[in-house]
Amino acid sequence: MAILLALASPEIEVLGLTAVAGNVPLARTQTNARIVCELAGRADMRVFAGCDAPMQRPLVTAEHVHGKTGLDGPDLWEPTMPLQPQHGVDFIIDTLRAEPPGTVTLTPLGPLTNIGTAFARAPDIVDRVQEIVLMGGAYFEVGNYTPAAEFNIYVDPEAADIVFRSGAPLTVMPLDVTHKALVTRPRLDAFAALGTRTGRFTAEMLDFFERFDIAKYGSKGGPLHDPTTIAYLLRPDLFSGRHVNVEIETGSDLTRGMTVADWWGVTDRAPNATFMGDIDADGFFALLTERLGRLP
């Protein structure tokens, strides 16, 4: 959904997509990224395979949520557009070095392995980043994969720690925001009602994904996490939050991957992230529906 929203929005120049191991292994995420590009009619987009495992830990995946393919629901196909030969981390490094400083925004949707690895390998690129807008973490909602941690941060807390300590401008879309962006039945029907290939694919994908979260949370719809990052780039007025200190727990088995946000300013730690707390959900879904209506 985030990729579709970006590709449907002319205000955003998408330089490339880097896949990472996360909800499903890398072989599947790089395939899914190309399927989504073909769905959007953008077989010209460059897709790169990045890291196939976290920086220091074994990979944890979430097929129980998204299905074996990571895109269960619609009928999938084997993409014909090529996977780029360059490693995704090298693409991030080379792009940030080649583009004018302060012009490239990174919008990670999964574990932060690719970016953490790039920053560790090439510290000179950190100051060239315009902004990192990421989906991950939680404060009031606490955790969705463990009692303390959101999945993306939990999978590779060491990479997240590098990113949050990097000094690059950070905007965080945590569960506190995404759990207010619920795919209710009328919102789901609006995608199907577009009457397009993209609309049908989206509705079928979300209908499958929703089953798990509705049963888990008892809500009227499943939360839609990743597109909040792209929506923020297009309509920052849809979101509100605070610029606070956020640190990543890496040492405790009990709270591994917790995003410790100083929301109330009770420490003297310097703010390092704009941590969002609320969303205009109706405006968000109106934007999504309008933009996806532009795609085939």
Protein backbone atom coordinates (compact mmCIF):
# COMPACT_ATOMS: atom_id res chain seq x y z
CA MET A 1 0.00 0.00 0.00
CA ALA A 2 2.85 2.38 0.79
CA ILE A 3 4.59 1.56 -2.49
CA LEU A 4 1.37 2.03 -4.45
CA LEU A 5 0.72 5.38 -2.77
CA ALA A 6 4.24 6.58 -3.57
CA LEU A 7 4.08 5.46 -7.20
CA ALA A 8 0.68 7.13 -7.61
CA SER A 9 1.93 10.49 -6.30
CA PRO A 10 3.80 12.75 -8.74
CA GLU A 11 5.06 14.92 -5.88
CA ILE A 12 7.39 12.06 -4.93
CA GLU A 13 10.28 10.95 -7.13
CA VAL A 14 10.88 7.32 -6.21
CA LEU A 15 14.58 6.65 -6.86
CA GLY A 16 14.37 2.93 -6.12
CA LEU A 17 13.10 0.25 -3.76
CA THR A 18 15.31 -1.86 -1.51
CA ALA A 19 13.85 -5.10 -0.17
CA VAL A 20 14.79 -6.48 3.25
CA ALA A 21 14.01 -9.66 5.16
CA GLY A 22 11.11 -8.93 7.49
CA ASN A 23 7.52 -10.23 7.50
CA VAL A 24 8.76 -12.89 5.08
CA PRO A 25 12.29 -13.79 3.90
CA LEU A 26 14.17 -11.65 1.38
CA ALA A 27 13.48 -13.92 -1.59
CA ARG A 28 9.79 -13.21 -1.11
CA THR A 29 9.99 -9.48 -0.28
CA GLN A 30 12.04 -8.67 -3.37
CA THR A 31 9.53 -10.61 -5.46
CA ASN A 32 6.59 -8.84 -3.81
CA ALA A 33 8.14 -5.43 -4.42
CA ARG A 34 8.37 -6.18 -8.14
CA ILE A 35 4.82 -7.54 -8.24
CA VAL A 36 3.54 -4.29 -6.71
CA CYS A 37 5.53 -2.20 -9.20
CA GLU A 38 4.06 -4.20 -12.10
CA LEU A 39 0.59 -3.83 -10.61
CA ALA A 40 1.09 -0.06 -10.62
CA GLY A 41 2.27 -0.11 -14.22
CA ARG A 42 5.82 0.81 -13.17
CA ALA A 43 7.96 -2.05 -14.44
CA ASP A 44 10.63 0.60 -15.03
CA MET A 45 11.18 1.04 -11.27
CA ARG A 46 14.48 -0.24 -9.92
CA VAL A 47 14.17 -2.86 -7.18
CA PHE A 48 17.20 -4.05 -5.20
CA ALA A 49 17.58 -6.97 -2.80
CA GLY A 50 19.15 -5.89 0.47
CA CYS A 51 19.98 -7.79 3.65
CA ASP A 52 18.61 -11.30 4.17
CA ALA A 53 19.05 -11.33 7.96
CA PRO A 54 19.34 -8.86 10.86
CA MET A 55 22.73 -7.39 11.68
CA GLN A 56 23.38 -9.58 14.73
CA ARG A 57 20.44 -11.94 15.22
CA PRO A 58 18.58 -14.77 13.48
CA LEU A 59 15.68 -13.66 11.31
CA VAL A 60 12.18 -13.68 12.79
CA THR A 61 9.31 -13.60 10.28
CA ALA A 62 5.51 -13.19 10.47
CA GLU A 63 3.86 -15.48 7.95
CA HIS A 64 1.09 -16.07 10.49
CA VAL A 65 -0.05 -12.48 9.82
CA HIS A 66 0.59 -11.91 6.10
CA GLY A 67 0.50 -15.48 4.81
CA LYS A 68 3.26 -17.55 3.26
CA THR A 69 3.83 -15.11 0.41
CA GLY A 70 3.61 -11.96 2.53
CA LEU A 71 0.91 -10.79 0.09
CA ASP A 72 -1.71 -13.48 0.56
CA GLY A 73 -5.22 -12.71 -0.66
CA PRO A 74 -5.02 -11.76 -4.35
CA ASP A 75 -3.76 -14.07 -7.09
CA LEU A 76 -0.04 -13.40 -7.47
CA TRP A 77 2.25 -13.89 -10.44
CA GLU A 78 5.96 -14.27 -11.11
CA PRO A 79 7.18 -10.76 -11.99
CA THR A 80 8.97 -10.27 -15.29
CA MET A 81 10.71 -6.98 -14.46
CA PRO A 82 14.32 -7.60 -13.44
CA LEU A 83 15.82 -7.49 -9.99
CA GLN A 84 18.77 -5.09 -10.07
CA PRO A 85 22.16 -6.81 -9.64
CA GLN A 86 23.47 -4.27 -7.10
CA HIS A 87 23.00 -4.96 -3.38
CA GLY A 88 20.37 -2.74 -1.78
CA VAL A 89 22.77 -1.39 0.85
CA ASP A 90 25.23 -0.32 -1.87
CA PHE A 91 22.38 1.38 -3.72
CA ILE A 92 21.49 3.39 -0.61
CA ILE A 93 25.11 4.42 -0.10
CA ASP A 94 25.73 5.30 -3.74
CA THR A 95 22.46 7.22 -4.06
CA LEU A 96 23.08 9.36 -1.00
CA ARG A 97 26.60 10.13 -2.19
CA ALA A 98 25.45 10.97 -5.71
CA GLU A 99 22.38 13.10 -4.98
CA PRO A 100 22.67 16.65 -3.57
CA PRO A 101 22.85 16.64 0.25
CA GLY A 102 19.47 17.04 1.92
CA THR A 103 17.38 15.90 -1.03
CA VAL A 104 16.87 12.16 -0.41
CA THR A 105 14.30 10.89 2.09
CA LEU A 106 14.38 7.26 3.26
CA THR A 107 11.03 5.64 4.08
CA PRO A 108 11.70 2.20 5.61
CA LEU A 109 8.65 -0.01 6.05
CA GLY A 110 10.28 -3.05 7.65
CA PRO A 111 13.23 -3.85 9.89
CA LEU A 112 15.94 -1.18 9.63
CA THR A 113 18.68 -3.63 8.60
CA ASN A 114 19.47 -2.07 5.22
CA ILE A 115 19.77 1.46 6.58
CA GLY A 116 21.60 0.47 9.75
CA THR A 117 24.10 -1.49 7.66
CA ALA A 118 24.53 1.41 5.24
CA PHE A 119 25.14 3.87 8.08
CA ALA A 120 27.63 1.53 9.76
CA ARG A 121 29.49 0.92 6.50
CA ALA A 122 29.45 4.53 5.24
CA PRO A 123 29.05 7.04 8.09
CA ASP A 124 29.58 9.91 5.64
CA ILE A 125 26.10 9.43 4.17
CA VAL A 126 24.22 10.17 7.42
CA ASP A 127 24.53 13.95 7.10
CA ARG A 128 23.34 13.77 3.49
CA VAL A 129 19.92 12.33 4.41
CA GLN A 130 17.05 14.80 4.21
CA GLU A 131 14.81 12.78 6.54
CA ILE A 132 13.97 9.23 7.56
CA VAL A 133 10.23 8.58 7.84
CA LEU A 134 9.76 5.08 9.22
CA MET A 135 7.00 2.77 10.32
CA GLY A 136 7.93 1.13 13.58
CA GLY A 137 7.83 1.23 17.33
CA ALA A 138 5.13 2.14 19.81
CA TYR A 139 4.65 3.98 23.08
CA PHE A 140 1.08 3.95 24.41
CA GLU A 141 0.21 0.88 22.33
CA VAL A 142 3.38 -0.86 23.62
CA GLY A 143 3.95 -3.93 21.42
CA ASN A 144 2.27 -6.07 18.78
CA TYR A 145 4.84 -8.86 18.49
CA THR A 146 5.92 -9.03 22.12
CA PRO A 147 4.31 -7.30 25.09
CA ALA A 148 6.98 -4.58 24.78
CA ALA A 149 7.95 -4.35 21.11
CA GLU A 150 6.58 -3.66 17.66
CA PHE A 151 7.63 -6.20 15.03
CA ASN A 152 9.90 -4.10 12.78
CA ILE A 153 12.03 -2.83 15.63
CA TYR A 154 12.01 -6.19 17.42
CA VAL A 155 13.43 -8.05 14.41
CA ASP A 156 16.59 -5.94 14.24
CA PRO A 157 16.97 -3.74 17.32
CA GLU A 158 20.69 -3.24 16.69
CA ALA A 159 19.99 -1.69 13.28
CA ALA A 160 17.25 0.45 14.82
CA ASP A 161 19.66 1.59 17.52
CA ILE A 162 22.15 2.73 14.86
CA VAL A 163 19.45 4.66 13.02
CA PHE A 164 17.98 6.31 16.12
CA ARG A 165 21.45 7.31 17.35
CA SER A 166 22.63 8.50 13.92
CA GLY A 167 21.55 12.13 14.19
CA ALA A 168 19.62 11.95 10.92
CA PRO A 169 16.22 13.69 11.12
CA LEU A 170 13.67 11.03 12.12
CA THR A 171 9.89 10.92 11.87
CA VAL A 172 8.33 7.82 13.40
CA MET A 173 4.92 6.31 12.63
CA PRO A 174 4.36 3.99 15.60
CA LEU A 175 1.47 1.70 16.44
CA ASP A 176 -0.02 4.62 18.35
CA VAL A 177 -0.83 6.15 14.94
CA THR A 178 -1.38 3.09 12.79
CA HIS A 179 -3.84 1.49 15.20
CA LYS A 180 -6.06 4.52 14.59
CA ALA A 181 -5.96 3.95 10.81
CA LEU A 182 -8.42 1.07 10.68
CA VAL A 183 -9.59 -0.56 7.45
CA THR A 184 -13.29 -0.63 8.26
CA ARG A 185 -15.69 -2.32 5.86
CA PRO A 186 -16.72 0.96 4.16
CA ARG A 187 -13.07 1.90 3.64
CA LEU A 188 -12.30 -1.55 2.25
CA ASP A 189 -15.33 -1.39 -0.05
CA ALA A 190 -14.13 2.00 -1.36
CA PHE A 191 -10.96 0.38 -2.72
CA ALA A 192 -12.94 -2.39 -4.41
CA ALA A 193 -15.35 0.19 -5.82
CA LEU A 194 -12.52 1.82 -7.78
CA GLY A 195 -13.24 -0.90 -10.32
CA THR A 196 -9.59 -1.17 -11.34
CA ARG A 197 -7.02 -3.95 -11.18
CA THR A 198 -5.21 -2.07 -8.41
CA GLY A 199 -8.43 -1.50 -6.49
CA ARG A 200 -9.39 -5.17 -6.61
CA PHE A 201 -5.86 -6.31 -5.68
CA THR A 202 -5.83 -3.89 -2.73
CA ALA A 203 -9.23 -4.99 -1.45
CA GLU A 204 -8.32 -8.68 -1.68
CA MET A 205 -4.97 -8.14 0.04
CA LEU A 206 -6.47 -6.12 2.89
CA ASP A 207 -9.40 -8.49 3.30
CA PHE A 208 -6.96 -11.34 4.00
CA PHE A 209 -4.68 -9.27 6.23
CA GLU A 210 -7.60 -7.92 8.26
CA ARG A 211 -8.76 -11.34 9.44
CA PHE A 212 -5.81 -11.70 11.76
CA ASP A 213 -5.90 -8.23 13.29
CA ILE A 214 -9.65 -8.04 13.77
CA ALA A 215 -9.51 -11.32 15.68
CA LYS A 216 -6.46 -10.15 17.66
CA TYR A 217 -7.61 -6.65 18.62
CA GLY A 218 -11.40 -6.99 18.48
CA SER A 219 -11.55 -3.81 16.39
CA LYS A 220 -13.88 -2.89 13.51
CA GLY A 221 -10.97 -3.20 11.09
CA GLY A 222 -7.29 -4.03 10.89
CA PRO A 223 -4.70 -1.25 11.22
CA LEU A 224 -3.02 -0.04 8.04
CA HIS A 225 0.59 0.63 9.04
CA ASP A 226 3.03 1.34 6.21
CA PRO A 227 1.21 3.91 4.02
CA THR A 228 1.27 6.39 6.89
CA THR A 229 4.91 7.08 6.00
CA ILE A 230 4.12 8.15 2.44
CA ALA A 231 0.94 9.95 3.52
CA TYR A 232 3.07 12.06 5.87
CA LEU A 233 5.29 13.13 2.97
CA LEU A 234 2.20 14.18 1.03
CA ARG A 235 -0.02 15.52 3.82
CA PRO A 236 1.88 16.16 7.07
CA ASP A 237 -1.19 18.01 8.35
CA LEU A 238 -2.91 14.62 8.79
CA PHE A 239 -0.57 13.79 11.69
CA SER A 240 0.38 15.18 15.08
CA GLY A 241 3.10 14.19 17.52
CA ARG A 242 6.02 15.37 19.62
CA HIS A 243 9.76 15.82 19.07
CA VAL A 244 11.15 13.64 21.85
CA ASN A 245 14.02 11.35 22.75
CA VAL A 246 13.57 7.75 21.59
CA GLU A 247 16.00 4.99 22.46
CA ILE A 248 15.97 1.32 21.44
CA GLU A 249 16.29 -1.49 23.96
CA THR A 250 18.83 -4.04 22.74
CA GLY A 251 20.07 -5.71 25.94
CA SER A 252 16.98 -7.13 27.63
CA ASP A 253 15.29 -10.35 26.56
CA LEU A 254 12.10 -9.14 28.24
CA THR A 255 11.85 -5.80 26.43
CA ARG A 256 14.06 -6.35 23.35
CA GLY A 257 13.14 -3.92 20.59
CA MET A 258 11.13 -1.58 22.79
CA THR A 259 11.07 2.05 21.61
CA VAL A 260 11.57 3.93 24.86
CA ALA A 261 10.00 7.30 24.04
CA ASP A 262 10.39 10.13 26.53
CA TRP A 263 6.90 11.38 25.67
CA TRP A 264 6.50 13.31 28.93
CA GLY A 265 10.01 14.80 28.97
CA VAL A 266 11.04 13.17 32.23
CA THR A 267 14.71 12.76 31.26
CA ASP A 268 17.40 15.18 30.11
CA ARG A 269 18.09 13.11 26.97
CA ALA A 270 18.11 15.23 23.82
CA PRO A 271 15.16 14.81 21.42
CA ASN A 272 16.10 12.79 18.34
CA ALA A 273 12.78 11.91 16.68
CA THR A 274 9.37 13.32 15.88
CA PHE A 275 7.23 10.57 17.36
CA MET A 276 3.71 10.73 15.97
CA GLY A 277 0.72 10.11 18.20
CA ASP A 278 -2.42 10.83 16.20
CA ILE A 279 -3.85 10.74 12.67
CA ASP A 280 -6.84 12.10 10.80
CA ALA A 281 -7.96 8.65 9.68
CA ASP A 282 -10.75 9.84 7.39
CA GLY A 283 -8.36 12.21 5.61
CA PHE A 284 -5.76 9.44 5.36
CA PHE A 285 -8.14 6.98 3.70
CA ALA A 286 -9.54 9.66 1.41
CA LEU A 287 -5.99 10.38 0.22
CA LEU A 288 -5.25 6.68 -0.26
CA THR A 289 -8.44 6.02 -2.21
CA GLU A 290 -8.01 9.07 -4.44
CA ARG A 291 -4.39 8.28 -5.26
CA LEU A 292 -4.87 4.55 -5.83
CA GLY A 293 -7.67 5.51 -8.21
CA ARG A 294 -5.00 6.94 -10.51
CA LEU A 295 -3.33 3.55 -10.99
CA PRO A 296 -4.28 0.89 -13.58
